PDB file of N, CA and C in Angstrom:
ATOM      1  N   MET A   1      98.421 131.245 106.849  1.00  0.00           N
ATOM      2  CA  MET A   1      99.293 130.461 106.897  1.00  0.00           C
ATOM      3  C   MET A   1      99.242 129.154 106.409  1.00  0.00           C
ATOM      4  N   SER A   2      99.771 128.701 105.431  1.00  0.00           N
ATOM      5  CA  SER A   2      99.587 127.204 105.060  1.00  0.00           C
ATOM      6  C   SER A   2     100.499 126.008 105.961  1.00  0.00           C
ATOM      7  N   GLN A   3      99.395 125.013 106.084  1.00  0.00           N
ATOM      8  CA  GLN A   3      99.839 124.072 106.874  1.00  0.00           C
ATOM      9  C   GLN A   3     100.531 123.083 105.872  1.00  0.00           C
ATOM     10  N   LYS A   4     101.768 122.462 106.078  1.00  0.00           N
ATOM     11  CA  LYS A   4     102.532 121.513 105.228  1.00  0.00           C
ATOM     12  C   LYS A   4     102.310 120.320 105.492  1.00  0.00           C
ATOM     13  N   PRO A   5     101.651 119.379 104.505  1.00  0.00           N
ATOM     14  CA  PRO A   5     101.182 117.953 104.741  1.00  0.00           C
ATOM     15  C   PRO A   5     102.032 117.478 105.621  1.00  0.00           C
ATOM     16  N   ASN A   6     101.797 116.096 106.593  1.00  0.00           N
ATOM     17  CA  ASN A   6     102.425 115.360 107.180  1.00  0.00           C
ATOM     18  C   ASN A   6     103.213 114.515 106.264  1.00  0.00           C
ATOM     19  N   ALA A   7     104.814 114.827 106.417  1.00  0.00           N
ATOM     20  CA  ALA A   7     105.691 114.122 105.331  1.00  0.00           C
ATOM     21  C   ALA A   7     105.708 112.295 105.563  1.00  0.00           C
ATOM     22  N   THR A   8     105.182 112.119 106.929  1.00  0.00           N
ATOM     23  CA  THR A   8     105.289 110.605 107.281  1.00  0.00           C
ATOM     24  C   THR A   8     104.208 110.225 106.634  1.00  0.00           C
ATOM     25  N   ILE A   9     102.870 110.507 106.376  1.00  0.00           N
ATOM     26  CA  ILE A   9     101.746 110.018 106.004  1.00  0.00           C
ATOM     27  C   ILE A   9     102.038 110.108 104.330  1.00  0.00           C
ATOM     28  N   ARG A  10     102.568 111.058 103.838  1.00  0.00           N
ATOM     29  CA  ARG A  10     102.584 111.333 102.301  1.00  0.00           C
ATOM     30  C   ARG A  10     103.936 110.247 102.041  1.00  0.00           C
ATOM     31  N   TYR A  11     105.005 109.910 102.782  1.00  0.00           N
ATOM     32  CA  TYR A  11     105.622 109.258 101.891  1.00  0.00           C
ATOM     33  C   TYR A  11     105.305 107.588 102.351  1.00  0.00           C
ATOM     34  N   THR A  12     104.553 107.376 103.287  1.00  0.00           N
ATOM     35  CA  THR A  12     104.158 106.225 103.356  1.00  0.00           C
ATOM     36  C   THR A  12     102.876 105.777 102.446  1.00  0.00           C
ATOM     37  N   ALA A  13     101.978 106.710 101.898  1.00  0.00           N
ATOM     38  CA  ALA A  13     101.233 106.481 100.674  1.00  0.00           C
ATOM     39  C   ALA A  13     101.989 106.435  99.318  1.00  0.00           C
ATOM     40  N   MET A  14     103.027 107.126  99.318  1.00  0.00           N
ATOM     41  CA  MET A  14     103.854 106.846  98.316  1.00  0.00           C
ATOM     42  C   MET A  14     104.612 105.537  97.826  1.00  0.00           C
ATOM     43  N   ARG A  15     104.678 105.031  98.986  1.00  0.00           N
ATOM     44  CA  ARG A  15     105.956 103.726  99.358  1.00  0.00           C
ATOM     45  C   ARG A  15     104.320 102.738  98.863  1.00  0.00           C
ATOM     46  N   LEU A  16     103.591 102.781  99.250  1.00  0.00           N
ATOM     47  CA  LEU A  16     102.211 101.875  99.136  1.00  0.00           C
ATOM     48  C   LEU A  16     102.156 102.014  97.810  1.00  0.00           C
ATOM     49  N   GLY A  17     101.862 103.039  97.374  1.00  0.00           N
ATOM     50  CA  GLY A  17     101.363 103.206  95.498  1.00  0.00           C
ATOM     51  C   GLY A  17     102.378 102.294  95.000  1.00  0.00           C
ATOM     52  N   ILE A  18     103.642 102.629  95.231  1.00  0.00           N
ATOM     53  CA  ILE A  18     104.749 102.088  94.686  1.00  0.00           C
ATOM     54  C   ILE A  18     104.630 100.552  94.622  1.00  0.00           C
ATOM     55  N   PHE A  19     104.324 100.062  95.915  1.00  0.00           N
ATOM     56  CA  PHE A  19     104.322  98.568  95.851  1.00  0.00           C
ATOM     57  C   PHE A  19     103.147  97.882  95.198  1.00  0.00           C
ATOM     58  N   VAL A  20     101.884  98.665  94.984  1.00  0.00           N
ATOM     59  CA  VAL A  20     100.833  98.331  94.563  1.00  0.00           C
ATOM     60  C   VAL A  20     101.018  98.236  92.980  1.00  0.00           C
ATOM     61  N   ALA A  21     101.702  99.368  92.696  1.00  0.00           N
ATOM     62  CA  ALA A  21     102.098  99.337  91.059  1.00  0.00           C
ATOM     63  C   ALA A  21     102.517  98.010  90.633  1.00  0.00           C
ATOM     64  N   CYS A  22     103.907  97.841  91.712  1.00  0.00           N
ATOM     65  CA  CYS A  22     104.512  96.804  91.179  1.00  0.00           C
ATOM     66  C   CYS A  22     103.940  95.491  91.402  1.00  0.00           C
ATOM     67  N   PHE A  23     103.038  95.382  92.424  1.00  0.00           N
ATOM     68  CA  PHE A  23     102.139  93.960  92.778  1.00  0.00           C
ATOM     69  C   PHE A  23     101.097  93.830  91.108  1.00  0.00           C
ATOM     70  N   LEU A  24     100.834  95.006  90.649  1.00  0.00           N
ATOM     71  CA  LEU A  24      99.893  94.560  89.726  1.00  0.00           C
ATOM     72  C   LEU A  24     100.592  94.356  88.367  1.00  0.00           C
ATOM     73  N   VAL A  25     101.949  95.265  88.373  1.00  0.00           N
ATOM     74  CA  VAL A  25     102.834  94.338  87.165  1.00  0.00           C
ATOM     75  C   VAL A  25     103.197  93.189  87.060  1.00  0.00           C
ATOM     76  N   VAL A  26     103.913  92.586  88.460  1.00  0.00           N
ATOM     77  CA  VAL A  26     104.089  91.189  88.691  1.00  0.00           C
ATOM     78  C   VAL A  26     102.671  90.354  88.553  1.00  0.00           C
ATOM     79  N   PHE A  27     101.612  90.898  89.027  1.00  0.00           N
ATOM     80  CA  PHE A  27     100.520  89.908  88.821  1.00  0.00           C
ATOM     81  C   PHE A  27     100.153  89.765  87.144  1.00  0.00           C
ATOM     82  N   ALA A  28     100.167  90.963  86.222  1.00  0.00           N
ATOM     83  CA  ALA A  28     100.021  90.890  85.023  1.00  0.00           C
ATOM     84  C   ALA A  28     101.010  89.961  84.117  1.00  0.00           C
ATOM     85  N   LEU A  29     102.336  89.902  84.494  1.00  0.00           N
ATOM     86  CA  LEU A  29     103.316  89.281  83.975  1.00  0.00           C
ATOM     87  C   LEU A  29     103.232  87.555  84.486  1.00  0.00           C
ATOM     88  N   VAL A  30     102.804  87.579  85.573  1.00  0.00           N
ATOM     89  CA  VAL A  30     102.323  86.012  85.716  1.00  0.00           C
ATOM     90  C   VAL A  30     100.839  85.519  85.128  1.00  0.00           C
ATOM     91  N   ARG A  31     100.355  86.262  85.025  1.00  0.00           N
ATOM     92  CA  ARG A  31      99.207  85.917  84.242  1.00  0.00           C
ATOM     93  C   ARG A  31      99.472  85.521  82.720  1.00  0.00           C
ATOM     94  N   LEU A  32     100.470  86.330  81.961  1.00  0.00           N
ATOM     95  CA  LEU A  32     100.868  86.105  80.843  1.00  0.00           C
ATOM     96  C   LEU A  32     101.764  85.173  80.343  1.00  0.00           C
ATOM     97  N   ARG A  33     102.030  84.537  81.839  1.00  0.00           N
ATOM     98  CA  ARG A  33     103.190  83.679  81.826  1.00  0.00           C
ATOM     99  C   ARG A  33     104.691  84.266  80.984  1.00  0.00           C
ATOM    100  N   TRP A  34     104.916  85.508  81.623  1.00  0.00           N
ATOM    101  CA  TRP A  34     106.222  85.929  80.926  1.00  0.00           C
ATOM    102  C   TRP A  34     106.929  85.807  82.266  1.00  0.00           C
ATOM    103  N   VAL A  35     106.584  85.340  83.497  1.00  0.00           N
ATOM    104  CA  VAL A  35     107.159  85.423  84.704  1.00  0.00           C
ATOM    105  C   VAL A  35     106.899  84.087  85.350  1.00  0.00           C
ATOM    106  N   PRO A  36     107.434  83.059  86.067  1.00  0.00           N
ATOM    107  CA  PRO A  36     107.228  81.750  86.446  1.00  0.00           C
ATOM    108  C   PRO A  36     106.027  82.094  87.852  1.00  0.00           C
ATOM    109  N   ALA A  37     105.292  81.656  87.689  1.00  0.00           N
ATOM    110  CA  ALA A  37     104.145  81.712  88.395  1.00  0.00           C
ATOM    111  C   ALA A  37     104.107  81.133  89.973  1.00  0.00           C
ATOM    112  N   GLY A  38     105.530  80.342  90.398  1.00  0.00           N
ATOM    113  CA  GLY A  38     105.743  79.952  91.653  1.00  0.00           C
ATOM    114  C   GLY A  38     105.450  78.553  91.791  1.00  0.00           C
ATOM    115  N   LEU A  39     105.543  77.906  92.974  1.00  0.00           N
ATOM    116  CA  LEU A  39     105.375  76.339  93.378  1.00  0.00           C
ATOM    117  C   LEU A  39     103.803  75.911  93.643  1.00  0.00           C
ATOM    118  N   GLY A  40     103.091  75.526  93.056  1.00  0.00           N
ATOM    119  CA  GLY A  40     101.828  74.752  93.408  1.00  0.00           C
ATOM    120  C   GLY A  40     101.040  75.649  93.668  1.00  0.00           C
ATOM    121  N   ASP A  41     100.369  76.073  95.059  1.00  0.00           N
ATOM    122  CA  ASP A  41      99.471  77.342  95.690  1.00  0.00           C
ATOM    123  C   ASP A  41     100.117  78.769  95.747  1.00  0.00           C
ATOM    124  N   ALA A  42     101.350  78.529  95.545  1.00  0.00           N
ATOM    125  CA  ALA A  42     102.219  79.851  96.137  1.00  0.00           C
ATOM    126  C   ALA A  42     102.133  80.828  95.251  1.00  0.00           C
ATOM    127  N   ASN A  43     100.985  80.949  94.315  1.00  0.00           N
ATOM    128  CA  ASN A  43     100.837  81.915  93.373  1.00  0.00           C
ATOM    129  C   ASN A  43     101.112  83.555  93.946  1.00  0.00           C
ATOM    130  N   LEU A  44     100.159  83.668  94.652  1.00  0.00           N
ATOM    131  CA  LEU A  44      99.910  84.745  95.066  1.00  0.00           C
ATOM    132  C   LEU A  44     101.055  85.109  96.250  1.00  0.00           C
ATOM    133  N   ALA A  45     101.705  84.435  97.068  1.00  0.00           N
ATOM    134  CA  ALA A  45     102.571  84.732  97.886  1.00  0.00           C
ATOM    135  C   ALA A  45     103.887  84.852  96.916  1.00  0.00           C
ATOM    136  N   TRP A  46     104.254  84.572  96.084  1.00  0.00           N
ATOM    137  CA  TRP A  46     105.266  84.626  95.205  1.00  0.00           C
ATOM    138  C   TRP A  46     105.031  85.722  94.352  1.00  0.00           C
ATOM    139  N   VAL A  47     103.678  86.500  94.070  1.00  0.00           N
ATOM    140  CA  VAL A  47     103.607  87.604  93.515  1.00  0.00           C
ATOM    141  C   VAL A  47     103.686  88.979  94.370  1.00  0.00           C
ATOM    142  N   VAL A  48     103.106  88.814  95.702  1.00  0.00           N
ATOM    143  CA  VAL A  48     103.615  89.553  96.852  1.00  0.00           C
ATOM    144  C   VAL A  48     105.158  89.887  97.281  1.00  0.00           C
ATOM    145  N   LEU A  49     105.576  88.595  97.249  1.00  0.00           N
ATOM    146  CA  LEU A  49     107.193  88.780  97.274  1.00  0.00           C
ATOM    147  C   LEU A  49     107.860  89.338  96.086  1.00  0.00           C
ATOM    148  N   LEU A  50     107.979  88.839  95.171  1.00  0.00           N
ATOM    149  CA  LEU A  50     108.556  89.665  93.969  1.00  0.00           C
ATOM    150  C   LEU A  50     107.909  91.068  93.909  1.00  0.00           C
ATOM    151  N   ALA A  51     106.868  91.306  94.305  1.00  0.00           N
ATOM    152  CA  ALA A  51     106.392  92.885  94.387  1.00  0.00           C
ATOM    153  C   ALA A  51     107.172  93.467  95.292  1.00  0.00           C
ATOM    154  N   LEU A  52     107.105  93.294  96.532  1.00  0.00           N
ATOM    155  CA  LEU A  52     108.051  93.700  97.498  1.00  0.00           C
ATOM    156  C   LEU A  52     109.492  93.646  97.345  1.00  0.00           C
ATOM    157  N   VAL A  53     110.296  93.026  96.363  1.00  0.00           N
ATOM    158  CA  VAL A  53     111.599  92.884  95.989  1.00  0.00           C
ATOM    159  C   VAL A  53     111.797  93.980  95.227  1.00  0.00           C
ATOM    160  N   LEU A  54     110.989  94.169  94.445  1.00  0.00           N
ATOM    161  CA  LEU A  54     111.140  95.289  93.150  1.00  0.00           C
ATOM    162  C   LEU A  54     110.686  96.432  93.587  1.00  0.00           C
ATOM    163  N   SER A  55     109.652  96.862  94.747  1.00  0.00           N
ATOM    164  CA  SER A  55     109.282  98.188  95.158  1.00  0.00           C
ATOM    165  C   SER A  55     110.103  98.684  95.998  1.00  0.00           C
ATOM    166  N   ALA A  56     111.099  97.993  96.569  1.00  0.00           N
ATOM    167  CA  ALA A  56     111.807  98.254  97.696  1.00  0.00           C
ATOM    168  C   ALA A  56     113.122  99.214  97.081  1.00  0.00           C
ATOM    169  N   PRO A  57     113.933  98.606  96.106  1.00  0.00           N
ATOM    170  CA  PRO A  57     114.840  99.362  95.468  1.00  0.00           C
ATOM    171  C   PRO A  57     114.232 100.907  94.677  1.00  0.00           C
ATOM    172  N   LEU A  58     112.991 100.317  94.014  1.00  0.00           N
ATOM    173  CA  LEU A  58     112.349 101.782  93.551  1.00  0.00           C
ATOM    174  C   LEU A  58     111.886 102.808  94.361  1.00  0.00           C
ATOM    175  N   SER A  59     111.343 102.453  95.579  1.00  0.00           N
ATOM    176  CA  SER A  59     110.921 103.531  96.845  1.00  0.00           C
ATOM    177  C   SER A  59     112.499 104.141  96.883  1.00  0.00           C
ATOM    178  N   PHE A  60     113.667 103.297  96.999  1.00  0.00           N
ATOM    179  CA  PHE A  60     114.713 104.099  97.916  1.00  0.00           C
ATOM    180  C   PHE A  60     115.149 105.178  96.785  1.00  0.00           C
ATOM    181  N   VAL A  61     114.879 104.727  95.518  1.00  0.00           N
ATOM    182  CA  VAL A  61     115.331 105.828  94.599  1.00  0.00           C
ATOM    183  C   VAL A  61     114.459 106.848  94.163  1.00  0.00           C
ATOM    184  N   LEU A  62     113.389 106.419  94.133  1.00  0.00           N
ATOM    185  CA  LEU A  62     112.231 107.217  94.023  1.00  0.00           C
ATOM    186  C   LEU A  62     111.981 108.578  94.484  1.00  0.00           C
ATOM    187  N   LEU A  63     111.752 107.918  96.006  1.00  0.00           N
ATOM    188  CA  LEU A  63     111.246 108.738  97.005  1.00  0.00           C
ATOM    189  C   LEU A  63     112.280 109.317  97.932  1.00  0.00           C
ATOM    190  N   ARG A  64     113.559 109.631  97.378  1.00  0.00           N
ATOM    191  CA  ARG A  64     114.476 110.196  98.296  1.00  0.00           C
ATOM    192  C   ARG A  64     114.244 111.487  98.772  1.00  0.00           C
ATOM    193  N   LYS A  65     113.815 112.171  98.209  1.00  0.00           N
ATOM    194  CA  LYS A  65     113.406 113.785  98.392  1.00  0.00           C
ATOM    195  C   LYS A  65     112.330 113.494  99.701  1.00  0.00           C
ATOM    196  N   GLN A  66     111.426 112.893  99.608  1.00  0.00           N
ATOM    197  CA  GLN A  66     110.077 112.645 100.567  1.00  0.00           C
ATOM    198  C   GLN A  66     110.907 112.000 101.784  1.00  0.00           C
ATOM    199  N   ARG A  67     111.741 111.018 101.585  1.00  0.00           N
ATOM    200  CA  ARG A  67     112.006 110.737 102.896  1.00  0.00           C
ATOM    201  C   ARG A  67     113.204 111.479 103.434  1.00  0.00           C
ATOM    202  N   GLU A  68     113.786 112.186 103.027  1.00  0.00           N
ATOM    203  CA  GLU A  68     114.435 113.450 103.571  1.00  0.00           C
ATOM    204  C   GLU A  68     113.727 114.470 104.302  1.00  0.00           C
ATOM    205  N   GLU A  69     112.677 114.753 103.672  1.00  0.00           N
ATOM    206  CA  GLU A  69     111.386 115.658 104.432  1.00  0.00           C
ATOM    207  C   GLU A  69     110.884 115.108 105.508  1.00  0.00           C
ATOM    208  N   MET A  70     110.630 113.853 105.630  1.00  0.00           N
ATOM    209  CA  MET A  70     109.954 112.881 106.757  1.00  0.00           C
ATOM    210  C   MET A  70     111.047 112.867 107.959  1.00  0.00           C
ATOM    211  N   SER A  71     112.458 112.684 107.546  1.00  0.00           N
ATOM    212  CA  SER A  71     113.461 112.661 108.210  1.00  0.00           C
ATOM    213  C   SER A  71     113.652 114.066 109.168  1.00  0.00           C
ATOM    214  N   GLU A  72     113.542 115.274 108.357  1.00  0.00           N
ATOM    215  CA  GLU A  72     113.255 116.287 108.946  1.00  0.00           C
ATOM    216  C   GLU A  72     112.640 116.581 109.808  1.00  0.00           C
ATOM    217  N   GLN A  73     111.171 116.713 109.571  1.00  0.00           N
ATOM    218  CA  GLN A  73     110.079 116.366 110.159  1.00  0.00           C
ATOM    219  C   GLN A  73     110.134 115.712 111.475  1.00  0.00           C
ATOM    220  N   ILE A  74     110.588 114.517 111.445  1.00  0.00           N
ATOM    221  CA  ILE A  74     110.766 113.589 112.735  1.00  0.00           C
ATOM    222  C   ILE A  74     111.859 114.041 113.486  1.00  0.00           C
ATOM    223  N   ALA A  75     113.323 114.896 112.954  1.00  0.00           N
ATOM    224  CA  ALA A  75     113.953 115.331 113.770  1.00  0.00           C
ATOM    225  C   ALA A  75     113.822 116.506 114.281  1.00  0.00           C
ATOM    226  N   GLY A  76     112.680 117.006 113.930  1.00  0.00           N
ATOM    227  CA  GLY A  76     112.229 118.446 114.555  1.00  0.00           C
ATOM    228  C   GLY A  76     111.339 118.254 115.843  1.00  0.00           C
ATOM    229  N   ARG A  77     110.516 117.243 115.473  1.00  0.00           N
ATOM    230  CA  ARG A  77     109.550 116.423 116.522  1.00  0.00           C
ATOM    231  C   ARG A  77     110.358 116.071 117.727  1.00  0.00           C
ATOM    232  N   VAL A  78     111.176 115.438 117.460  1.00  0.00           N
ATOM    233  CA  VAL A  78     112.281 115.094 118.674  1.00  0.00           C
ATOM    234  C   VAL A  78     112.863 115.792 119.240  1.00  0.00           C
ATOM    235  N   GLU A  79     113.519 116.972 118.621  1.00  0.00           N
ATOM    236  CA  GLU A  79     114.319 118.103 119.284  1.00  0.00           C
ATOM    237  C   GLU A  79     113.246 118.739 120.110  1.00  0.00           C
ATOM    238  N   ARG A  80     111.904 118.871 119.594  1.00  0.00           N
ATOM    239  CA  ARG A  80     111.011 119.904 120.453  1.00  0.00           C
ATOM    240  C   ARG A  80     110.304 119.118 121.747  1.00  0.00           C
ATOM    241  N   ALA A  81     110.657 117.673 121.447  1.00  0.00           N
ATOM    242  CA  ALA A  81     109.889 116.696 122.713  1.00  0.00           C
ATOM    243  C   ALA A  81     111.391 116.825 123.703  1.00  0.00           C
ATOM    244  N   LYS A  82     112.683 116.454 123.406  1.00  0.00           N
ATOM    245  CA  LYS A  82     113.852 117.011 124.142  1.00  0.00           C
ATOM    246  C   LYS A  82     113.719 118.241 124.829  1.00  0.00           C
ATOM    247  N   SER A  83     113.557 119.545 124.136  1.00  0.00           N
ATOM    248  CA  SER A  83     113.280 120.142 124.813  1.00  0.00           C
ATOM    249  C   SER A  83     112.057 120.535 125.918  1.00  0.00           C
ATOM    250  N   ARG A  84     111.164 119.987 125.482  1.00  0.00           N
ATOM    251  CA  ARG A  84     110.035 119.971 126.603  1.00  0.00           C
ATOM    252  C   ARG A  84     110.451 118.920 127.858  1.00  0.00           C
ATOM    253  N   LEU A  85     110.646 118.113 127.581  1.00  0.00           N
ATOM    254  CA  LEU A  85     111.535 117.269 128.860  1.00  0.00           C
ATOM    255  C   LEU A  85     112.521 117.877 129.629  1.00  0.00           C
ATOM    256  N   ALA A  86     113.141 118.561 128.920  1.00  0.00           N
ATOM    257  CA  ALA A  86     114.436 119.528 129.584  1.00  0.00           C
ATOM    258  C   ALA A  86     113.736 120.507 130.609  1.00  0.00           C
ATOM    259  N   GLU A  87     112.793 121.268 130.033  1.00  0.00           N
ATOM    260  CA  GLU A  87     111.884 122.446 130.467  1.00  0.00           C
ATOM    261  C   GLU A  87     110.998 121.580 131.727  1.00  0.00           C
ATOM    262  N   ASN A  88     110.631 120.794 131.371  1.00  0.00           N
ATOM    263  CA  ASN A  88     109.739 120.118 132.590  1.00  0.00           C
ATOM    264  C   ASN A  88     110.900 119.536 133.772  1.00  0.00           C
ATOM    265  N   ARG A  89     111.932 118.681 133.494  1.00  0.00           N
ATOM    266  CA  ARG A  89     112.774 118.597 134.623  1.00  0.00           C
ATOM    267  C   ARG A  89     113.079 119.992 135.149  1.00  0.00           C
ATOM    268  N   SER A  90     113.620 120.880 134.445  1.00  0.00           N
ATOM    269  CA  SER A  90     114.131 121.873 135.252  1.00  0.00           C
ATOM    270  C   SER A  90     112.811 122.598 136.279  1.00  0.00           C
ATOM    271  N   GLN A  91     111.677 122.593 135.657  1.00  0.00           N
ATOM    272  CA  GLN A  91     110.420 123.290 136.720  1.00  0.00           C
ATOM    273  C   GLN A  91     110.356 122.217 137.717  1.00  0.00           C
ATOM    274  N   GLU A  92     110.580 120.857 137.536  1.00  0.00           N
ATOM    275  CA  GLU A  92     110.601 119.994 138.817  1.00  0.00           C
ATOM    276  C   GLU A  92     111.735 120.013 139.913  1.00  0.00           C
ATOM    277  N   ASP A  93     112.610 120.296 139.482  1.00  0.00           N
ATOM    278  CA  ASP A  93     113.792 120.636 139.868  1.00  0.00           C
ATOM    279  C   ASP A  93     113.511 122.023 140.926  1.00  0.00           C
ATOM    280  N   ALA A  94     113.213 122.778 140.330  1.00  0.00           N
ATOM    281  CA  ALA A  94     112.934 124.329 140.926  1.00  0.00           C
ATOM    282  C   ALA A  94     112.110 124.077 142.121  1.00  0.00           C
ATOM    283  N   ALA A  95     110.865 123.330 141.668  1.00  0.00           N
ATOM    284  CA  ALA A  95     109.798 122.891 142.719  1.00  0.00           C
ATOM    285  C   ALA A  95     110.626 122.031 143.811  1.00  0.00           C
ATOM    286  N   ASP A  96     111.420 121.291 143.693  1.00  0.00           N
ATOM    287  CA  ASP A  96     111.874 120.360 144.638  1.00  0.00           C
ATOM    288  C   ASP A  96     112.878 121.386 145.424  1.00  0.00           C
ATOM    289  N   ASP A  97     113.612 122.180 144.960  1.00  0.00           N
ATOM    290  CA  ASP A  97     114.490 122.817 145.705  1.00  0.00           C
ATOM    291  C   ASP A  97     113.423 123.969 146.504  1.00  0.00           C
ATOM    292  N   ALA A  98     112.427 124.329 146.050  1.00  0.00           N
ATOM    293  CA  ALA A  98     111.567 125.543 146.634  1.00  0.00           C
ATOM    294  C   ALA A  98     111.089 124.444 147.775  1.00  0.00           C
ATOM    295  N   ALA A  99     110.586 123.545 147.741  1.00  0.00           N
ATOM    296  CA  ALA A  99     109.913 122.532 148.869  1.00  0.00           C
ATOM    297  C   ALA A  99     110.875 122.157 149.892  1.00  0.00           C
ATOM    298  N   ARG A 100     112.203 121.877 149.792  1.00  0.00           N
ATOM    299  CA  ARG A 100     113.048 121.690 150.337  1.00  0.00           C
ATOM    300  C   ARG A 100     113.495 123.106 151.363  1.00  0.00           C
ATOM    301  N   ALA A 101     113.536 124.073 150.659  1.00  0.00           N
ATOM    302  CA  ALA A 101     113.739 125.408 151.460  1.00  0.00           C
ATOM    303  C   ALA A 101     112.571 125.562 152.285  1.00  0.00           C
ATOM    304  N   ALA A 102     111.437 125.299 151.979  1.00  0.00           N
ATOM    305  CA  ALA A 102     110.262 125.518 152.904  1.00  0.00           C
ATOM    306  C   ALA A 102     110.151 124.778 154.423  1.00  0.00           C
ATOM    307  N   THR A 103     110.829 123.663 154.072  1.00  0.00           N
ATOM    308  CA  THR A 103     110.597 122.651 154.965  1.00  0.00           C
ATOM    309  C   THR A 103     111.550 122.625 156.031  1.00  0.00           C
ATOM    310  N   PRO A 104     111.297 122.834 157.422  1.00  0.00           N
ATOM    311  CA  PRO A 104     112.299 122.796 158.443  1.00  0.00           C
ATOM    312  C   PRO A 104     113.253 121.763 158.667  1.00  0.00           C
ATOM    313  N   SER A 105     114.619 121.949 158.662  1.00  0.00           N
ATOM    314  CA  SER A 105     115.451 120.960 158.785  1.00  0.00           C
ATOM    315  C   SER A 105     115.250 120.581 160.292  1.00  0.00           C
ATOM    316  N   ALA A 106     115.253 119.056 160.785  1.00  0.00           N
ATOM    317  CA  ALA A 106     114.905 118.942 162.121  1.00  0.00           C
ATOM    318  C   ALA A 106     116.599 118.517 162.918  1.00  0.00           C
TER     319      ALA A 106
END
């Protein structure tokens, strides 16, 4: 039986990869002086912010399938946790009822 890789980790890694690619492209464009270099010593902050602004919509469009897989995986985990919680509550209620039945009333 093959184990499906963790969708959350894969999505996060792909999103980070898109950011790094955008960062390198923006950095190269700034070094070539095709894009303004920012103000004073803010060059690195400018490059990071511009890379974030570019990578966000790219990730939204390019990683739609991975985001949906991650969402399904998370929803499955939430449903399993809810069912375990409900099962634990019913066991506690049964144990409490049994304890009350075993204790004589005063």
